[in-house]
Amino acid sequence: MLNLIEHGTPTERPGLVIVHGLYGSARNWGVIAKRLSDSRHVVAVDMRNHGSSPWFETHSYQDMAGDLAEVIESLTGPYDVLGHSMGGKAAMVLAVTQPALVNRLIVADIAPIAYGHSQMQYIEAMKSVDLTRVERRSDAATQLQGRVDNPALVPFFLQALDVAEKRWLLNLDTLAREMPKILGFPDISGAYEGKVMFLTGAESPYVTREHRDRIKALFPAAQFAKIPGAGHWLHAEKPREFEAAVRTWLG
C-alpha cells in the first residue's frame, strides 16, 4: 500500500485524503494537512514511484486510482479527496470509476484532458546531478541551477533527494517511460455525481473555459473557484488562501 502521513484523528466530519502532483510527496503538503486536521482526519499519501511508496514498472492513472482505492478502503468510510495536478487526475479517475469511495472531490489546477507540454526536462535535470559529489542539498542545488527553467522548482525537487543515501526518492526511469500517460488522461466512461470543486490559480493556463464541457460531462455537479494571483502551484504560492478555500468548501 502507499505510504501515508496522517494528521489528526477521525471526527464526526468526513476525513480528507490529499494526493500530491508529479515529483511531489506527502511531506510537501505537511503544513496545509496539519492545519486542516484541526477538525477532521487528514491523510497525505506518497503516490507510487514517489517518496516512501513502492516503485512499480507502470504509472497509469488506472494504477494510481487503484492505489488510492486501497488506501481509502483501509480507512473508515468514504473520504473527501483533494488532488493537485497529477494527483488531481488520479483522484478524478478514482471518483468516476469507484464513486462509493469518494465523499466529495477537490481538483486543484488540472483538467481531465491530455496536455501538450513536457515534464521530461526535469527528469533529465535530476538525472544529470552527480550524486557522488552531493554531501548536502546545496551541492545538488548548484548542479540543478541552469538546468531548471523555474528557479522556484529547485528546492521543490530537492525535497525528493535522500542526501544520506545519495538517491532520488523518485523512480525517474519509470516516470520518464510513462510520461505520455502522465500528461494524458484515460478514456473513461461514466460520471461522478457527487460534489466537486475545481480550484484553480487565476494566473494558471491549466484549466480554461474550453475545458468545461469535458469537466461537466464527467462531473455534472462541478463548481469552479479561482485563487487570485496564483499559478499552477497555487497551494505553495498562496497557502493561506488555498487552505481557506478548501476549508470553506468542505465546511
Protein backbone atom coordinates (compact mmCIF):
# COMPACT_ATOMS: atom_id res chain seq x y z
CA MET A 1 0.00 0.00 0.00
CA LEU A 2 1.03 3.61 -0.45
CA ASN A 3 3.00 5.33 2.28
CA LEU A 4 0.73 7.56 4.41
CA ILE A 5 1.31 10.53 6.68
CA GLU A 6 -1.65 11.00 9.00
CA HIS A 7 -2.66 14.20 10.73
CA GLY A 8 -5.24 14.45 13.49
CA THR A 9 -7.78 11.81 14.42
CA PRO A 10 -11.17 10.80 13.00
CA THR A 11 -14.05 13.11 13.92
CA GLU A 12 -17.72 13.28 13.01
CA ARG A 13 -16.67 15.05 9.82
CA PRO A 14 -15.51 13.07 6.76
CA GLY A 15 -11.77 12.56 6.59
CA LEU A 16 -9.65 14.01 3.80
CA VAL A 17 -7.08 12.28 1.57
CA ILE A 18 -4.53 14.62 -0.06
CA VAL A 19 -2.90 13.47 -3.31
CA HIS A 20 0.23 15.30 -4.48
CA GLY A 21 1.34 16.05 -8.03
CA LEU A 22 4.24 14.83 -10.17
CA TYR A 23 7.64 14.84 -8.39
CA GLY A 24 5.88 15.70 -5.09
CA SER A 25 5.28 13.83 -1.84
CA ALA A 26 3.06 13.73 1.22
CA ARG A 27 5.66 15.84 3.04
CA ASN A 28 5.11 18.72 0.61
CA TRP A 29 1.59 19.07 2.00
CA GLY A 30 2.55 18.88 5.67
CA VAL A 31 1.63 22.42 6.70
CA ILE A 32 -1.74 22.53 4.94
CA ALA A 33 -2.61 18.99 6.01
CA LYS A 34 -1.80 19.74 9.65
CA ARG A 35 -3.90 22.92 9.63
CA LEU A 36 -6.89 21.17 8.07
CA SER A 37 -6.63 18.35 10.62
CA ASP A 38 -7.95 20.60 13.39
CA SER A 39 -11.45 19.44 12.54
CA ARG A 40 -11.04 16.18 10.61
CA HIS A 41 -8.69 13.27 9.96
CA VAL A 42 -6.28 14.14 7.14
CA VAL A 43 -4.17 11.59 5.29
CA ALA A 44 -1.49 12.66 2.81
CA VAL A 45 -0.12 9.92 0.55
CA ASP A 46 3.09 9.33 -1.35
CA MET A 47 1.97 8.22 -4.81
CA ARG A 48 3.56 5.16 -6.41
CA ASN A 49 7.11 5.80 -7.64
CA HIS A 50 7.33 8.79 -5.27
CA GLY A 51 8.58 9.32 -1.73
CA SER A 52 8.49 6.26 0.51
CA SER A 53 5.86 4.39 -1.51
CA PRO A 54 6.68 1.26 -3.55
CA TRP A 55 8.18 1.54 -7.01
CA PHE A 56 6.44 -0.10 -9.97
CA GLU A 57 7.05 -0.51 -13.68
CA THR A 58 3.82 1.31 -14.54
CA HIS A 59 2.38 4.72 -13.71
CA SER A 60 -1.04 4.96 -15.34
CA TYR A 61 -4.00 6.79 -13.85
CA GLN A 62 -5.86 3.50 -13.53
CA ASP A 63 -2.92 2.25 -11.45
CA MET A 64 -2.92 5.36 -9.28
CA ALA A 65 -6.69 5.28 -8.80
CA GLY A 66 -6.38 1.67 -7.68
CA ASP A 67 -3.69 2.64 -5.17
CA LEU A 68 -5.93 5.38 -3.75
CA ALA A 69 -8.86 2.98 -3.55
CA GLU A 70 -6.74 0.61 -1.46
CA VAL A 71 -5.87 3.46 0.91
CA ILE A 72 -9.46 4.63 1.36
CA GLU A 73 -10.71 1.06 1.80
CA SER A 74 -8.22 0.73 4.67
CA LEU A 75 -9.78 3.77 6.34
CA THR A 76 -13.28 4.15 7.76
CA GLY A 77 -15.98 5.04 5.27
CA PRO A 78 -15.69 7.21 2.14
CA TYR A 79 -13.27 10.13 2.38
CA ASP A 80 -13.14 13.54 0.78
CA VAL A 81 -10.30 13.59 -1.76
CA LEU A 82 -8.10 16.55 -2.72
CA GLY A 83 -5.71 16.08 -5.64
CA HIS A 84 -3.30 18.52 -7.27
CA SER A 85 -2.11 18.21 -10.88
CA MET A 86 -1.20 14.54 -11.49
CA GLY A 87 -2.87 13.75 -8.17
CA GLY A 88 -5.97 15.58 -9.34
CA LYS A 89 -6.18 13.39 -12.43
CA ALA A 90 -5.75 10.25 -10.32
CA ALA A 91 -8.47 11.49 -7.96
CA MET A 92 -10.81 12.17 -10.88
CA VAL A 93 -10.35 8.65 -12.25
CA LEU A 94 -10.99 7.23 -8.77
CA ALA A 95 -14.19 9.27 -8.36
CA VAL A 96 -15.60 8.26 -11.75
CA THR A 97 -14.67 4.58 -11.53
CA GLN A 98 -15.25 3.98 -7.78
CA PRO A 99 -17.62 6.75 -6.65
CA ALA A 100 -18.64 4.99 -3.44
CA LEU A 101 -15.18 5.69 -2.02
CA VAL A 102 -15.27 9.46 -2.63
CA ASN A 103 -17.48 11.65 -0.47
CA ARG A 104 -16.53 14.95 -2.15
CA LEU A 105 -13.76 15.84 -4.59
CA ILE A 106 -11.46 18.85 -4.87
CA VAL A 107 -9.38 19.07 -8.05
CA ALA A 108 -6.54 21.58 -7.81
CA ASP A 109 -5.49 23.18 -11.08
CA ILE A 110 -5.86 20.37 -13.58
CA ALA A 111 -8.48 19.26 -16.11
CA PRO A 112 -9.43 15.77 -17.36
CA ILE A 113 -7.59 16.26 -20.64
CA ALA A 114 -4.26 15.47 -22.29
CA TYR A 115 -1.68 18.26 -22.14
CA GLY A 116 0.87 19.00 -24.83
CA HIS A 117 3.73 20.30 -22.70
CA SER A 118 6.53 18.06 -21.44
CA GLN A 119 7.92 17.39 -18.00
CA MET A 120 10.89 15.38 -19.28
CA GLN A 121 13.33 18.27 -18.88
CA TYR A 122 13.02 17.99 -15.11
CA ILE A 123 13.74 14.27 -15.10
CA GLU A 124 16.79 14.92 -17.27
CA ALA A 125 17.89 17.68 -14.88
CA MET A 126 17.62 15.41 -11.84
CA LYS A 127 19.38 12.57 -13.62
CA SER A 128 22.21 14.94 -14.52
CA VAL A 129 23.11 15.52 -10.86
CA ASP A 130 26.32 13.70 -9.90
CA LEU A 131 25.15 12.28 -6.59
CA THR A 132 28.68 11.17 -5.66
CA ARG A 133 29.51 14.87 -5.27
CA VAL A 134 26.48 15.64 -3.08
CA GLU A 135 27.14 15.98 0.65
CA ARG A 136 24.30 18.42 1.32
CA ARG A 137 21.26 19.64 -0.62
CA SER A 138 23.04 22.84 -1.59
CA ASP A 139 25.51 20.75 -3.61
CA ALA A 140 22.66 19.35 -5.68
CA ALA A 141 21.07 22.79 -5.94
CA THR A 142 24.25 24.16 -7.52
CA GLN A 143 24.17 21.41 -10.14
CA LEU A 144 20.46 21.92 -10.88
CA GLN A 145 20.71 25.67 -11.34
CA GLY A 146 20.78 26.47 -15.00
CA ARG A 147 19.10 23.19 -15.90
CA VAL A 148 15.71 24.06 -14.37
CA ASP A 149 13.83 26.86 -16.10
CA ASN A 150 11.98 27.93 -12.95
CA PRO A 151 14.38 28.53 -10.00
CA ALA A 152 11.49 28.16 -7.56
CA LEU A 153 11.22 24.49 -8.54
CA VAL A 154 14.78 23.65 -7.43
CA PRO A 155 14.01 23.49 -3.67
CA PHE A 156 10.83 21.54 -4.51
CA PHE A 157 12.82 18.89 -6.39
CA LEU A 158 15.42 18.78 -3.62
CA GLN A 159 12.76 17.61 -1.17
CA ALA A 160 12.82 14.34 -3.14
CA LEU A 161 16.58 13.86 -2.59
CA ASP A 162 17.87 11.49 0.08
CA VAL A 163 21.29 13.03 0.69
CA ALA A 164 22.46 10.35 3.12
CA GLU A 165 21.65 7.54 0.69
CA LYS A 166 22.61 9.61 -2.36
CA ARG A 167 19.45 8.74 -4.24
CA TRP A 168 16.32 10.36 -5.57
CA LEU A 169 13.08 9.31 -3.89
CA LEU A 170 11.56 9.21 -7.37
CA ASN A 171 11.50 6.31 -9.81
CA LEU A 172 12.82 8.53 -12.59
CA ASP A 173 13.15 5.73 -15.14
CA THR A 174 9.50 4.66 -14.84
CA LEU A 175 8.25 8.25 -14.73
CA ALA A 176 10.18 9.02 -17.92
CA ARG A 177 8.89 5.93 -19.72
CA GLU A 178 5.30 6.56 -18.59
CA MET A 179 5.34 10.32 -19.24
CA PRO A 180 2.83 10.11 -22.14
CA LYS A 181 0.31 8.52 -19.76
CA ILE A 182 1.03 11.11 -17.06
CA LEU A 183 0.47 14.01 -19.46
CA GLY A 184 -2.60 12.33 -20.93
CA PHE A 185 -5.92 11.29 -19.45
CA PRO A 186 -7.56 7.88 -19.87
CA ASP A 187 -10.69 7.34 -21.90
CA ILE A 188 -13.13 6.55 -19.13
CA SER A 189 -16.91 6.34 -19.25
CA GLY A 190 -19.47 7.25 -16.66
CA ALA A 191 -19.75 10.24 -14.37
CA TYR A 192 -19.28 11.15 -10.73
CA GLU A 193 -22.50 12.69 -9.44
CA GLY A 194 -21.10 13.92 -6.12
CA LYS A 195 -19.93 17.39 -5.17
CA VAL A 196 -16.77 18.57 -6.94
CA MET A 197 -14.80 21.81 -6.77
CA PHE A 198 -12.25 22.70 -9.43
CA LEU A 199 -9.95 25.11 -7.60
CA THR A 200 -7.51 26.85 -9.91
CA GLY A 201 -4.87 29.55 -9.91
CA ALA A 202 -6.13 32.67 -11.65
CA GLU A 203 -2.77 33.01 -13.42
CA SER A 204 -2.57 29.35 -14.45
CA PRO A 205 -3.32 28.16 -18.01
CA TYR A 206 -4.09 24.59 -16.95
CA VAL A 207 -7.89 24.90 -16.63
CA THR A 208 -9.79 27.12 -19.08
CA ARG A 209 -13.39 27.66 -20.09
CA GLU A 210 -12.75 25.47 -23.13
CA HIS A 211 -12.33 22.53 -20.74
CA ARG A 212 -15.67 22.97 -19.00
CA ASP A 213 -17.75 20.82 -21.35
CA ARG A 214 -15.45 17.85 -20.71
CA ILE A 215 -15.42 18.56 -16.99
CA LYS A 216 -19.21 18.78 -16.81
CA ALA A 217 -19.60 15.54 -18.77
CA LEU A 218 -17.65 13.66 -16.11
CA PHE A 219 -18.66 15.81 -13.12
CA PRO A 220 -22.17 17.25 -13.63
CA ALA A 221 -22.18 18.95 -10.20
CA ALA A 222 -18.78 20.62 -10.69
CA GLN A 223 -18.26 24.07 -9.23
CA PHE A 224 -15.37 26.40 -10.06
CA ALA A 225 -13.28 28.78 -7.99
CA LYS A 226 -10.04 30.70 -8.57
CA ILE A 227 -7.33 31.99 -6.27
CA PRO A 228 -6.20 35.47 -7.40
CA GLY A 229 -2.50 35.88 -8.06
CA ALA A 230 -1.79 32.13 -8.03
CA GLY A 231 -0.39 29.95 -10.79
CA HIS A 232 -0.29 26.17 -11.14
CA TRP A 233 1.44 25.69 -7.77
CA LEU A 234 -1.44 27.50 -6.05
CA HIS A 235 -1.12 25.65 -2.72
CA ALA A 236 2.55 26.68 -2.43
CA GLU A 237 2.15 30.20 -3.82
CA LYS A 238 -0.96 31.11 -1.80
CA PRO A 239 -1.13 28.56 1.04
CA ARG A 240 -3.38 30.59 3.34
CA GLU A 241 -5.85 31.39 0.57
CA PHE A 242 -5.76 27.78 -0.63
CA GLU A 243 -6.42 26.46 2.86
CA ALA A 244 -9.27 28.93 3.37
CA ALA A 245 -10.92 27.94 0.08
CA VAL A 246 -10.71 24.23 0.87
CA ARG A 247 -11.88 24.72 4.45
CA THR A 248 -14.86 26.84 3.41
CA TRP A 249 -15.96 24.45 0.70
CA LEU A 250 -15.64 21.37 2.88
CA GLY A 251 -17.46 23.20 5.63
